């Protein structure tokens, strides 16, 4: 019998609901590949990397959308 791969989220839905952009305090959205978090504020729109399943919430580490 073959093992069935299971899908695991890098960021739990519970954590995603409380995380906010450190620059403007807006909500964040995780991308489909679960490698970045994007600020939903169009004026800010910073993209924060996720490394080793840990969001790097440092403004200096973020890139502009």
Foldseek 3Di string as FASTA:
>chain_A
DDDDDDDDALADPVRQVPDAQPVPRAHWDADPVRFWIFGPPPVQGWIFGQDPSRTDRDRVRTDHD
